[in-house]
Amino acid sequence: MTDALTEMSGAAGAVTPHEVSRVDTVVFAVYGTTRAQARLAAIEPVFRAVSGAVDVPCELAFCGPAVCRLLARCGEPAPELERVLEQVADAGARRVAIVSGMVIDGWAQANLHERVGAAAERLGLKAVVGAPLLSDATDVDCLAAALMGEWRPRPGTVTLFVGHGIGGPAGSDYARPRDAFDAYAALSVAFARVGRDDLAVACLSDGPSAALQAVRGLAEPGATVRLVPLMLSAGRHVLKNVGGSDDRSWSSVLAAADYVPQLCDCGLGEVATVRELYAHHARALFATNE
């Protein structure tokens, strides 16, 4: 069988061809957040689940450039991806499995591939990057069931799950491959399949008008709209762009249209089933590359 660590794939991993017998370190790579509360509530529990799923040392790494810069500016430790890979290489690791903390296959996942590939080549590591949380229909069905269990129907209430979107920072010019798995659309289909017409998905990158359009398809004005981050953790941008008080936030736009917005300050990492799904990804990646 072909060793998955000797191939390059847009979905499976970026590698360098250094022969080593087995994975000796796992890195859980997340975008990260400057909010200590969100790290404690959502990121650290998933990291513990991933660590417990493998029998080799596991390290946490942040991939968000702005997050790492802001943490460093505030004097907080920032486990930046390249620094973590340097540390594991210095500790003697030669074959590293990167468990992706990204939710969907978009700019952040592609950026993770690129940076791991460059660092692995420079450090003499053999590395593979795992797929994001929602990489196929099975993952989507698992998450959909978990979300429907967490956010049960309520009279006069609809729930809008807010994803980041597939794009990156301004100027990144990311274009998703035409054959890429559309996790957001698949999640919407999974909700509709079981008649949960009180649930919808929208992307932060599409702006508050997308939220209003999605909500109008679910309920009349006067309804309560639960705004739930479809993200590993709820960073500061969620508080500002989704739940903020200025007239351009999602909450303000919905309120102006006579809906009653309720921001749910939580991340996917706070859901037990999501933690287990990440752990499953870690076990599968580790087992495939032993």
C-alpha atoms as a PDB file:
ATOM      1  CA  MET A   1       0.000   0.000   0.000  1.00  0.00           C
ATOM      2  CA  THR A   2       1.298   3.473  -0.842  1.00  0.00           C
ATOM      3  CA  ASP A   3       2.432   5.412   2.212  1.00  0.00           C
ATOM      4  CA  ALA A   4       0.120   8.439   2.529  1.00  0.00           C
ATOM      5  CA  LEU A   5       3.074  10.458   3.783  1.00  0.00           C
ATOM      6  CA  THR A   6       4.839  10.179   0.432  1.00  0.00           C
ATOM      7  CA  GLU A   7       2.055  11.828  -1.553  1.00  0.00           C
ATOM      8  CA  MET A   8       0.864  15.395  -1.972  1.00  0.00           C
ATOM      9  CA  SER A   9      -2.873  15.999  -2.120  1.00  0.00           C
ATOM     10  CA  GLY A  10      -5.025  19.093  -1.786  1.00  0.00           C
ATOM     11  CA  ALA A  11      -7.250  17.224   0.655  1.00  0.00           C
ATOM     12  CA  ALA A  12      -4.899  14.810   2.386  1.00  0.00           C
ATOM     13  CA  GLY A  13      -1.554  16.426   3.059  1.00  0.00           C
ATOM     14  CA  ALA A  14       1.613  18.270   2.192  1.00  0.00           C
ATOM     15  CA  VAL A  15       4.757  16.248   2.706  1.00  0.00           C
ATOM     16  CA  THR A  16       8.482  16.035   2.218  1.00  0.00           C
ATOM     17  CA  PRO A  17      10.244  12.803   1.220  1.00  0.00           C
ATOM     18  CA  HIS A  18      12.367  11.993   4.275  1.00  0.00           C
ATOM     19  CA  GLU A  19      12.180   8.303   5.166  1.00  0.00           C
ATOM     20  CA  VAL A  20      11.176   7.618   8.775  1.00  0.00           C
ATOM     21  CA  SER A  21       9.475   4.535  10.189  1.00  0.00           C
ATOM     22  CA  ARG A  22       6.377   5.980  11.920  1.00  0.00           C
ATOM     23  CA  VAL A  23       4.695   9.134  13.170  1.00  0.00           C
ATOM     24  CA  ASP A  24       6.444  10.269  16.334  1.00  0.00           C
ATOM     25  CA  THR A  25       4.614  13.557  16.996  1.00  0.00           C
ATOM     26  CA  VAL A  26       1.129  14.922  16.350  1.00  0.00           C
ATOM     27  CA  VAL A  27       0.409  18.647  16.044  1.00  0.00           C
ATOM     28  CA  PHE A  28      -3.151  19.929  16.398  1.00  0.00           C
ATOM     29  CA  ALA A  29      -3.220  23.057  14.224  1.00  0.00           C
ATOM     30  CA  VAL A  30      -6.015  25.579  14.796  1.00  0.00           C
ATOM     31  CA  TYR A  31      -6.542  29.133  13.602  1.00  0.00           C
ATOM     32  CA  GLY A  32      -6.581  30.332  17.206  1.00  0.00           C
ATOM     33  CA  THR A  33      -8.107  33.287  19.014  1.00  0.00           C
ATOM     34  CA  THR A  34      -6.963  36.068  21.315  1.00  0.00           C
ATOM     35  CA  ARG A  35      -9.942  35.427  23.620  1.00  0.00           C
ATOM     36  CA  ALA A  36      -8.707  33.440  26.615  1.00  0.00           C
ATOM     37  CA  GLN A  37     -12.288  32.443  27.438  1.00  0.00           C
ATOM     38  CA  ALA A  38     -12.795  30.943  23.979  1.00  0.00           C
ATOM     39  CA  ARG A  39      -9.472  29.099  24.104  1.00  0.00           C
ATOM     40  CA  LEU A  40     -10.357  27.603  27.470  1.00  0.00           C
ATOM     41  CA  ALA A  41     -13.933  26.677  26.521  1.00  0.00           C
ATOM     42  CA  ALA A  42     -13.470  25.382  22.975  1.00  0.00           C
ATOM     43  CA  ILE A  43      -9.874  24.903  21.824  1.00  0.00           C
ATOM     44  CA  GLU A  44      -8.286  23.286  24.863  1.00  0.00           C
ATOM     45  CA  PRO A  45     -10.994  20.588  25.258  1.00  0.00           C
ATOM     46  CA  VAL A  46     -10.552  19.556  21.613  1.00  0.00           C
ATOM     47  CA  PHE A  47      -6.780  19.541  22.030  1.00  0.00           C
ATOM     48  CA  ARG A  48      -7.153  17.203  25.012  1.00  0.00           C
ATOM     49  CA  ALA A  49      -9.425  14.927  22.962  1.00  0.00           C
ATOM     50  CA  VAL A  50      -6.924  14.816  20.084  1.00  0.00           C
ATOM     51  CA  SER A  51      -4.024  14.199  22.484  1.00  0.00           C
ATOM     52  CA  GLY A  52      -5.903  11.340  24.100  1.00  0.00           C
ATOM     53  CA  ALA A  53      -6.602   9.732  20.726  1.00  0.00           C
ATOM     54  CA  VAL A  54      -2.932   9.062  19.884  1.00  0.00           C
ATOM     55  CA  ASP A  55      -0.069   7.438  21.774  1.00  0.00           C
ATOM     56  CA  VAL A  56       2.679   9.908  20.855  1.00  0.00           C
ATOM     57  CA  PRO A  57       3.366  13.460  22.064  1.00  0.00           C
ATOM     58  CA  CYS A  58       0.844  16.021  20.833  1.00  0.00           C
ATOM     59  CA  GLU A  59       1.381  19.765  20.517  1.00  0.00           C
ATOM     60  CA  LEU A  60      -1.021  22.659  19.925  1.00  0.00           C
ATOM     61  CA  ALA A  61      -0.236  25.206  17.194  1.00  0.00           C
ATOM     62  CA  PHE A  62      -1.942  28.430  16.098  1.00  0.00           C
ATOM     63  CA  CYS A  63      -2.094  29.256  12.378  1.00  0.00           C
ATOM     64  CA  GLY A  64      -3.805  32.650  12.398  1.00  0.00           C
ATOM     65  CA  PRO A  65      -1.129  35.260  11.572  1.00  0.00           C
ATOM     66  CA  ALA A  66      -3.091  38.140  13.113  1.00  0.00           C
ATOM     67  CA  VAL A  67      -3.911  36.072  16.199  1.00  0.00           C
ATOM     68  CA  CYS A  68      -0.239  35.256  16.798  1.00  0.00           C
ATOM     69  CA  ARG A  69       0.809  38.881  16.276  1.00  0.00           C
ATOM     70  CA  LEU A  70      -1.807  40.193  18.700  1.00  0.00           C
ATOM     71  CA  LEU A  71      -0.977  37.614  21.361  1.00  0.00           C
ATOM     72  CA  ALA A  72       2.729  38.421  21.079  1.00  0.00           C
ATOM     73  CA  ARG A  73       1.973  42.142  21.312  1.00  0.00           C
ATOM     74  CA  CYS A  74       0.069  41.504  24.538  1.00  0.00           C
ATOM     75  CA  GLY A  75       2.915  39.421  25.943  1.00  0.00           C
ATOM     76  CA  GLU A  76       0.929  36.181  25.839  1.00  0.00           C
ATOM     77  CA  PRO A  77       2.503  32.931  24.625  1.00  0.00           C
ATOM     78  CA  ALA A  78       1.542  32.225  21.017  1.00  0.00           C
ATOM     79  CA  PRO A  79       2.248  28.668  19.801  1.00  0.00           C
ATOM     80  CA  GLU A  80       2.806  29.763  16.197  1.00  0.00           C
ATOM     81  CA  LEU A  81       2.825  26.870  13.722  1.00  0.00           C
ATOM     82  CA  GLU A  82       6.404  27.271  12.458  1.00  0.00           C
ATOM     83  CA  ARG A  83       7.811  27.690  15.974  1.00  0.00           C
ATOM     84  CA  VAL A  84       6.012  24.550  17.161  1.00  0.00           C
ATOM     85  CA  LEU A  85       7.388  22.550  14.218  1.00  0.00           C
ATOM     86  CA  GLU A  86      10.878  23.858  14.983  1.00  0.00           C
ATOM     87  CA  GLN A  87      10.499  22.772  18.604  1.00  0.00           C
ATOM     88  CA  VAL A  88       9.351  19.251  17.745  1.00  0.00           C
ATOM     89  CA  ALA A  89      12.189  18.914  15.227  1.00  0.00           C
ATOM     90  CA  ASP A  90      14.696  20.083  17.858  1.00  0.00           C
ATOM     91  CA  ALA A  91      13.239  17.460  20.211  1.00  0.00           C
ATOM     92  CA  GLY A  92      14.072  14.744  17.685  1.00  0.00           C
ATOM     93  CA  ALA A  93      10.800  14.300  15.811  1.00  0.00           C
ATOM     94  CA  ARG A  94      11.158  13.345  12.168  1.00  0.00           C
ATOM     95  CA  ARG A  95       7.685  12.205  11.123  1.00  0.00           C
ATOM     96  CA  VAL A  96       4.832  14.533  12.075  1.00  0.00           C
ATOM     97  CA  ALA A  97       1.071  14.247  11.574  1.00  0.00           C
ATOM     98  CA  ILE A  98      -0.810  17.560  11.515  1.00  0.00           C
ATOM     99  CA  VAL A  99      -4.412  17.195  12.674  1.00  0.00           C
ATOM    100  CA  SER A 100      -6.315  20.081  11.111  1.00  0.00           C
ATOM    101  CA  GLY A 101      -8.507  22.139  13.410  1.00  0.00           C
ATOM    102  CA  MET A 102     -10.131  23.874  10.439  1.00  0.00           C
ATOM    103  CA  VAL A 103     -13.864  23.334   9.978  1.00  0.00           C
ATOM    104  CA  ILE A 104     -14.049  23.387   6.170  1.00  0.00           C
ATOM    105  CA  ASP A 105     -11.706  23.127   3.201  1.00  0.00           C
ATOM    106  CA  GLY A 106     -10.956  26.742   2.311  1.00  0.00           C
ATOM    107  CA  TRP A 107      -8.188  29.317   2.494  1.00  0.00           C
ATOM    108  CA  ALA A 108      -7.156  28.450   6.050  1.00  0.00           C
ATOM    109  CA  GLN A 109      -6.739  24.764   5.168  1.00  0.00           C
ATOM    110  CA  ALA A 110      -4.777  25.605   2.006  1.00  0.00           C
ATOM    111  CA  ASN A 111      -2.585  28.015   3.968  1.00  0.00           C
ATOM    112  CA  LEU A 112      -1.925  25.291   6.531  1.00  0.00           C
ATOM    113  CA  HIS A 113      -0.792  22.923   3.753  1.00  0.00           C
ATOM    114  CA  GLU A 114       1.532  25.509   2.286  1.00  0.00           C
ATOM    115  CA  ARG A 115       3.148  26.488   5.570  1.00  0.00           C
ATOM    116  CA  VAL A 116       3.611  22.910   6.778  1.00  0.00           C
ATOM    117  CA  GLY A 117       5.189  21.957   3.454  1.00  0.00           C
ATOM    118  CA  ALA A 118       7.660  24.843   3.599  1.00  0.00           C
ATOM    119  CA  ALA A 119       8.574  24.251   7.245  1.00  0.00           C
ATOM    120  CA  ALA A 120       8.919  20.490   6.789  1.00  0.00           C
ATOM    121  CA  GLU A 121      11.300  20.948   3.870  1.00  0.00           C
ATOM    122  CA  ARG A 122      13.392  23.436   5.828  1.00  0.00           C
ATOM    123  CA  LEU A 123      13.516  21.298   8.974  1.00  0.00           C
ATOM    124  CA  GLY A 124      13.962  17.899   7.333  1.00  0.00           C
ATOM    125  CA  LEU A 125      10.620  16.632   8.592  1.00  0.00           C
ATOM    126  CA  LYS A 126       8.257  14.222   6.938  1.00  0.00           C
ATOM    127  CA  ALA A 127       4.766  15.599   7.511  1.00  0.00           C
ATOM    128  CA  VAL A 128       1.165  15.018   6.531  1.00  0.00           C
ATOM    129  CA  VAL A 129      -1.751  17.415   6.976  1.00  0.00           C
ATOM    130  CA  GLY A 130      -5.094  15.841   7.780  1.00  0.00           C
ATOM    131  CA  ALA A 131      -8.430  16.889   6.343  1.00  0.00           C
ATOM    132  CA  PRO A 132     -10.635  19.538   8.010  1.00  0.00           C
ATOM    133  CA  LEU A 133     -13.514  18.670  10.324  1.00  0.00           C
ATOM    134  CA  LEU A 134     -16.093  18.567   7.512  1.00  0.00           C
ATOM    135  CA  SER A 135     -14.270  16.705   4.765  1.00  0.00           C
ATOM    136  CA  ASP A 136     -17.012  14.378   3.520  1.00  0.00           C
ATOM    137  CA  ALA A 137     -20.702  13.512   3.830  1.00  0.00           C
ATOM    138  CA  THR A 138     -20.112  11.264   6.852  1.00  0.00           C
ATOM    139  CA  ASP A 139     -18.506  14.128   8.774  1.00  0.00           C
ATOM    140  CA  VAL A 140     -21.365  16.445   7.817  1.00  0.00           C
ATOM    141  CA  ASP A 141     -24.042  13.977   8.918  1.00  0.00           C
ATOM    142  CA  CYS A 142     -22.261  13.506  12.248  1.00  0.00           C
ATOM    143  CA  LEU A 143     -22.040  17.246  12.874  1.00  0.00           C
ATOM    144  CA  ALA A 144     -25.613  17.857  11.697  1.00  0.00           C
ATOM    145  CA  ALA A 145     -26.942  15.296  14.171  1.00  0.00           C
ATOM    146  CA  ALA A 146     -24.925  16.886  16.976  1.00  0.00           C
ATOM    147  CA  LEU A 147     -26.103  20.410  16.150  1.00  0.00           C
ATOM    148  CA  MET A 148     -29.728  19.344  15.864  1.00  0.00           C
ATOM    149  CA  GLY A 149     -29.422  17.728  19.285  1.00  0.00           C
ATOM    150  CA  GLU A 150     -27.848  20.823  20.833  1.00  0.00           C
ATOM    151  CA  TRP A 151     -30.208  23.326  19.185  1.00  0.00           C
ATOM    152  CA  ARG A 152     -33.639  21.773  19.445  1.00  0.00           C
ATOM    153  CA  PRO A 153     -36.744  23.384  17.911  1.00  0.00           C
ATOM    154  CA  ARG A 154     -38.446  26.148  19.864  1.00  0.00           C
ATOM    155  CA  PRO A 155     -41.707  27.892  18.974  1.00  0.00           C
ATOM    156  CA  GLY A 156     -41.064  31.249  17.337  1.00  0.00           C
ATOM    157  CA  THR A 157     -37.309  30.629  17.131  1.00  0.00           C
ATOM    158  CA  VAL A 158     -34.941  29.855  14.264  1.00  0.00           C
ATOM    159  CA  THR A 159     -31.228  29.111  14.382  1.00  0.00           C
ATOM    160  CA  LEU A 160     -28.646  30.486  11.974  1.00  0.00           C
ATOM    161  CA  PHE A 161     -25.229  28.807  12.018  1.00  0.00           C
ATOM    162  CA  VAL A 162     -22.539  31.303  11.068  1.00  0.00           C
ATOM    163  CA  GLY A 163     -19.434  29.977   9.317  1.00  0.00           C
ATOM    164  CA  HIS A 164     -16.327  31.939   8.385  1.00  0.00           C
ATOM    165  CA  GLY A 165     -16.655  31.212   4.668  1.00  0.00           C
ATOM    166  CA  ILE A 166     -13.984  29.722   2.423  1.00  0.00           C
ATOM    167  CA  GLY A 167     -11.955  32.854   1.710  1.00  0.00           C
ATOM    168  CA  GLY A 168      -8.982  34.345   3.483  1.00  0.00           C
ATOM    169  CA  PRO A 169      -7.734  37.799   4.443  1.00  0.00           C
ATOM    170  CA  ALA A 170      -7.984  40.669   1.987  1.00  0.00           C
ATOM    171  CA  GLY A 171      -5.524  40.152  -0.833  1.00  0.00           C
ATOM    172  CA  SER A 172      -5.252  36.389  -0.397  1.00  0.00           C
ATOM    173  CA  ASP A 173      -6.982  35.803  -3.767  1.00  0.00           C
ATOM    174  CA  TYR A 174      -7.998  32.284  -2.750  1.00  0.00           C
ATOM    175  CA  ALA A 175     -10.053  30.332  -5.277  1.00  0.00           C
ATOM    176  CA  ARG A 176     -11.487  27.037  -4.101  1.00  0.00           C
ATOM    177  CA  PRO A 177     -10.976  24.127  -6.521  1.00  0.00           C
ATOM    178  CA  ARG A 178     -14.087  23.400  -8.559  1.00  0.00           C
ATOM    179  CA  ASP A 179     -14.285  19.839  -7.230  1.00  0.00           C
ATOM    180  CA  ALA A 180     -13.890  20.825  -3.555  1.00  0.00           C
ATOM    181  CA  PHE A 181     -16.438  19.445  -1.094  1.00  0.00           C
ATOM    182  CA  ASP A 182     -19.027  22.139  -0.244  1.00  0.00           C
ATOM    183  CA  ALA A 183     -19.515  21.460   3.448  1.00  0.00           C
ATOM    184  CA  TYR A 184     -21.824  24.414   4.094  1.00  0.00           C
ATOM    185  CA  ALA A 185     -24.255  23.340   1.369  1.00  0.00           C
ATOM    186  CA  ALA A 186     -24.080  19.722   2.522  1.00  0.00           C
ATOM    187  CA  LEU A 187     -24.910  20.770   6.081  1.00  0.00           C
ATOM    188  CA  SER A 188     -27.963  22.701   4.883  1.00  0.00           C
ATOM    189  CA  VAL A 189     -29.105  19.624   2.947  1.00  0.00           C
ATOM    190  CA  ALA A 190     -28.652  17.451   6.043  1.00  0.00           C
ATOM    191  CA  PHE A 191     -30.925  19.761   8.053  1.00  0.00           C
ATOM    192  CA  ALA A 192     -33.566  19.817   5.312  1.00  0.00           C
ATOM    193  CA  ARG A 193     -33.463  16.039   4.909  1.00  0.00           C
ATOM    194  CA  VAL A 194     -34.967  15.554   8.372  1.00  0.00           C
ATOM    195  CA  GLY A 195     -37.362  18.482   8.183  1.00  0.00           C
ATOM    196  CA  ARG A 196     -35.452  20.929  10.379  1.00  0.00           C
ATOM    197  CA  ASP A 197     -36.678  23.991   8.510  1.00  0.00           C
ATOM    198  CA  ASP A 198     -35.836  26.138  11.536  1.00  0.00           C
ATOM    199  CA  LEU A 199     -32.093  25.811  10.795  1.00  0.00           C
ATOM    200  CA  ALA A 200     -29.935  27.513   8.176  1.00  0.00           C
ATOM    201  CA  VAL A 201     -26.274  28.211   7.410  1.00  0.00           C
ATOM    202  CA  ALA A 202     -24.714  31.524   6.358  1.00  0.00           C
ATOM    203  CA  CYS A 203     -21.140  32.763   6.011  1.00  0.00           C
ATOM    204  CA  LEU A 204     -19.620  35.699   7.846  1.00  0.00           C
ATOM    205  CA  SER A 205     -17.707  36.593   4.698  1.00  0.00           C
ATOM    206  CA  ASP A 206     -20.993  37.205   2.844  1.00  0.00           C
ATOM    207  CA  GLY A 207     -22.001  39.982   5.230  1.00  0.00           C
ATOM    208  CA  PRO A 208     -25.163  40.659   7.249  1.00  0.00           C
ATOM    209  CA  SER A 209     -27.349  40.800   4.139  1.00  0.00           C
ATOM    210  CA  ALA A 210     -26.772  37.048   3.776  1.00  0.00           C
ATOM    211  CA  ALA A 211     -28.013  36.556   7.319  1.00  0.00           C
ATOM    212  CA  LEU A 212     -31.160  38.553   6.644  1.00  0.00           C
ATOM    213  CA  GLN A 213     -31.846  36.655   3.428  1.00  0.00           C
ATOM    214  CA  ALA A 214     -31.398  33.295   5.157  1.00  0.00           C
ATOM    215  CA  VAL A 215     -33.619  34.255   8.090  1.00  0.00           C
ATOM    216  CA  ARG A 216     -36.398  35.581   5.850  1.00  0.00           C
ATOM    217  CA  GLY A 217     -36.521  32.122   4.313  1.00  0.00           C
ATOM    218  CA  LEU A 218     -37.167  30.627   7.746  1.00  0.00           C
ATOM    219  CA  ALA A 219     -39.449  32.964   9.682  1.00  0.00           C
ATOM    220  CA  GLU A 220     -41.502  36.140   9.667  1.00  0.00           C
ATOM    221  CA  PRO A 221     -40.378  39.296  11.497  1.00  0.00           C
ATOM    222  CA  GLY A 222     -40.868  39.019  15.230  1.00  0.00           C
ATOM    223  CA  ALA A 223     -39.172  35.625  15.428  1.00  0.00           C
ATOM    224  CA  THR A 224     -36.151  35.054  17.643  1.00  0.00           C
ATOM    225  CA  VAL A 225     -32.960  34.294  15.709  1.00  0.00           C
ATOM    226  CA  ARG A 226     -30.253  32.336  17.490  1.00  0.00           C
ATOM    227  CA  LEU A 227     -26.885  33.195  15.916  1.00  0.00           C
ATOM    228  CA  VAL A 228     -24.550  30.250  16.507  1.00  0.00           C
ATOM    229  CA  PRO A 229     -20.886  30.328  15.383  1.00  0.00           C
ATOM    230  CA  LEU A 230     -20.058  27.422  13.065  1.00  0.00           C
ATOM    231  CA  MET A 231     -16.430  27.771  14.122  1.00  0.00           C
ATOM    232  CA  LEU A 232     -14.117  25.859  16.424  1.00  0.00           C
ATOM    233  CA  SER A 233     -14.065  28.812  18.826  1.00  0.00           C
ATOM    234  CA  ALA A 234     -15.924  32.108  19.059  1.00  0.00           C
ATOM    235  CA  GLY A 235     -13.268  34.789  18.601  1.00  0.00           C
ATOM    236  CA  ARG A 236     -13.534  38.523  19.104  1.00  0.00           C
ATOM    237  CA  HIS A 237     -14.742  38.984  15.534  1.00  0.00           C
ATOM    238  CA  VAL A 238     -17.861  36.995  16.444  1.00  0.00           C
ATOM    239  CA  LEU A 239     -18.672  39.409  19.254  1.00  0.00           C
ATOM    240  CA  LYS A 240     -18.053  42.408  16.982  1.00  0.00           C
ATOM    241  CA  ASN A 241     -19.290  41.377  13.524  1.00  0.00           C
ATOM    242  CA  VAL A 242     -22.143  39.108  14.559  1.00  0.00           C
ATOM    243  CA  GLY A 243     -23.257  40.351  17.958  1.00  0.00           C
ATOM    244  CA  GLY A 244     -21.921  43.914  17.970  1.00  0.00           C
ATOM    245  CA  SER A 245     -23.958  47.035  18.637  1.00  0.00           C
ATOM    246  CA  ASP A 246     -22.951  49.037  15.555  1.00  0.00           C
ATOM    247  CA  ASP A 247     -25.454  49.230  12.718  1.00  0.00           C
ATOM    248  CA  ARG A 248     -23.431  46.931  10.426  1.00  0.00           C
ATOM    249  CA  SER A 249     -23.373  43.887  12.700  1.00  0.00           C
ATOM    250  CA  TRP A 250     -25.562  40.880  11.955  1.00  0.00           C
ATOM    251  CA  SER A 251     -27.537  41.424  15.152  1.00  0.00           C
ATOM    252  CA  SER A 252     -28.234  45.066  14.309  1.00  0.00           C
ATOM    253  CA  VAL A 253     -29.318  44.305  10.737  1.00  0.00           C
ATOM    254  CA  LEU A 254     -31.684  41.584  11.949  1.00  0.00           C
ATOM    255  CA  ALA A 255     -33.072  43.811  14.700  1.00  0.00           C
ATOM    256  CA  ALA A 256     -33.689  46.587  12.167  1.00  0.00           C
ATOM    257  CA  ALA A 257     -35.787  44.087  10.194  1.00  0.00           C
ATOM    258  CA  ASP A 258     -37.867  43.389  13.340  1.00  0.00           C
ATOM    259  CA  TYR A 259     -36.277  40.072  14.271  1.00  0.00           C
ATOM    260  CA  VAL A 260     -34.982  39.359  17.785  1.00  0.00           C
ATOM    261  CA  PRO A 261     -31.320  38.293  17.524  1.00  0.00           C
ATOM    262  CA  GLN A 262     -29.616  36.232  20.229  1.00  0.00           C
ATOM    263  CA  LEU A 263     -25.874  35.686  19.896  1.00  0.00           C
ATOM    264  CA  CYS A 264     -24.746  32.338  21.270  1.00  0.00           C
ATOM    265  CA  ASP A 265     -21.201  32.946  22.501  1.00  0.00           C
ATOM    266  CA  CYS A 266     -19.879  29.434  21.985  1.00  0.00           C
ATOM    267  CA  GLY A 267     -17.683  27.437  19.632  1.00  0.00           C
ATOM    268  CA  LEU A 268     -18.032  23.986  18.106  1.00  0.00           C
ATOM    269  CA  GLY A 269     -15.281  22.752  20.401  1.00  0.00           C
ATOM    270  CA  GLU A 270     -17.721  22.990  23.299  1.00  0.00           C
ATOM    271  CA  VAL A 271     -19.865  20.215  21.781  1.00  0.00           C
ATOM    272  CA  ALA A 272     -18.845  16.724  22.939  1.00  0.00           C
ATOM    273  CA  THR A 273     -19.632  15.084  19.592  1.00  0.00           C
ATOM    274  CA  VAL A 274     -17.423  17.597  17.793  1.00  0.00           C
ATOM    275  CA  ARG A 275     -14.526  16.803  20.116  1.00  0.00           C
ATOM    276  CA  GLU A 276     -14.968  13.121  19.363  1.00  0.00           C
ATOM    277  CA  LEU A 277     -15.086  13.813  15.622  1.00  0.00           C
ATOM    278  CA  TYR A 278     -11.753  15.628  15.819  1.00  0.00           C
ATOM    279  CA  ALA A 279     -10.373  12.723  17.868  1.00  0.00           C
ATOM    280  CA  HIS A 280     -11.629  10.313  15.202  1.00  0.00           C
ATOM    281  CA  HIS A 281      -9.783  12.312  12.540  1.00  0.00           C
ATOM    282  CA  ALA A 282      -6.627  12.132  14.663  1.00  0.00           C
ATOM    283  CA  ARG A 283      -6.890   8.362  15.150  1.00  0.00           C
ATOM    284  CA  ALA A 284      -7.534   7.797  11.444  1.00  0.00           C
ATOM    285  CA  LEU A 285      -4.628  10.006  10.355  1.00  0.00           C
ATOM    286  CA  PHE A 286      -2.273   8.402  12.858  1.00  0.00           C
ATOM    287  CA  ALA A 287      -3.317   4.844  11.946  1.00  0.00           C
ATOM    288  CA  THR A 288      -3.030   5.476   8.204  1.00  0.00           C
ATOM    289  CA  ASN A 289       0.506   6.765   8.591  1.00  0.00           C
ATOM    290  CA  GLU A 290       1.988   4.287  11.079  1.00  0.00           C
END
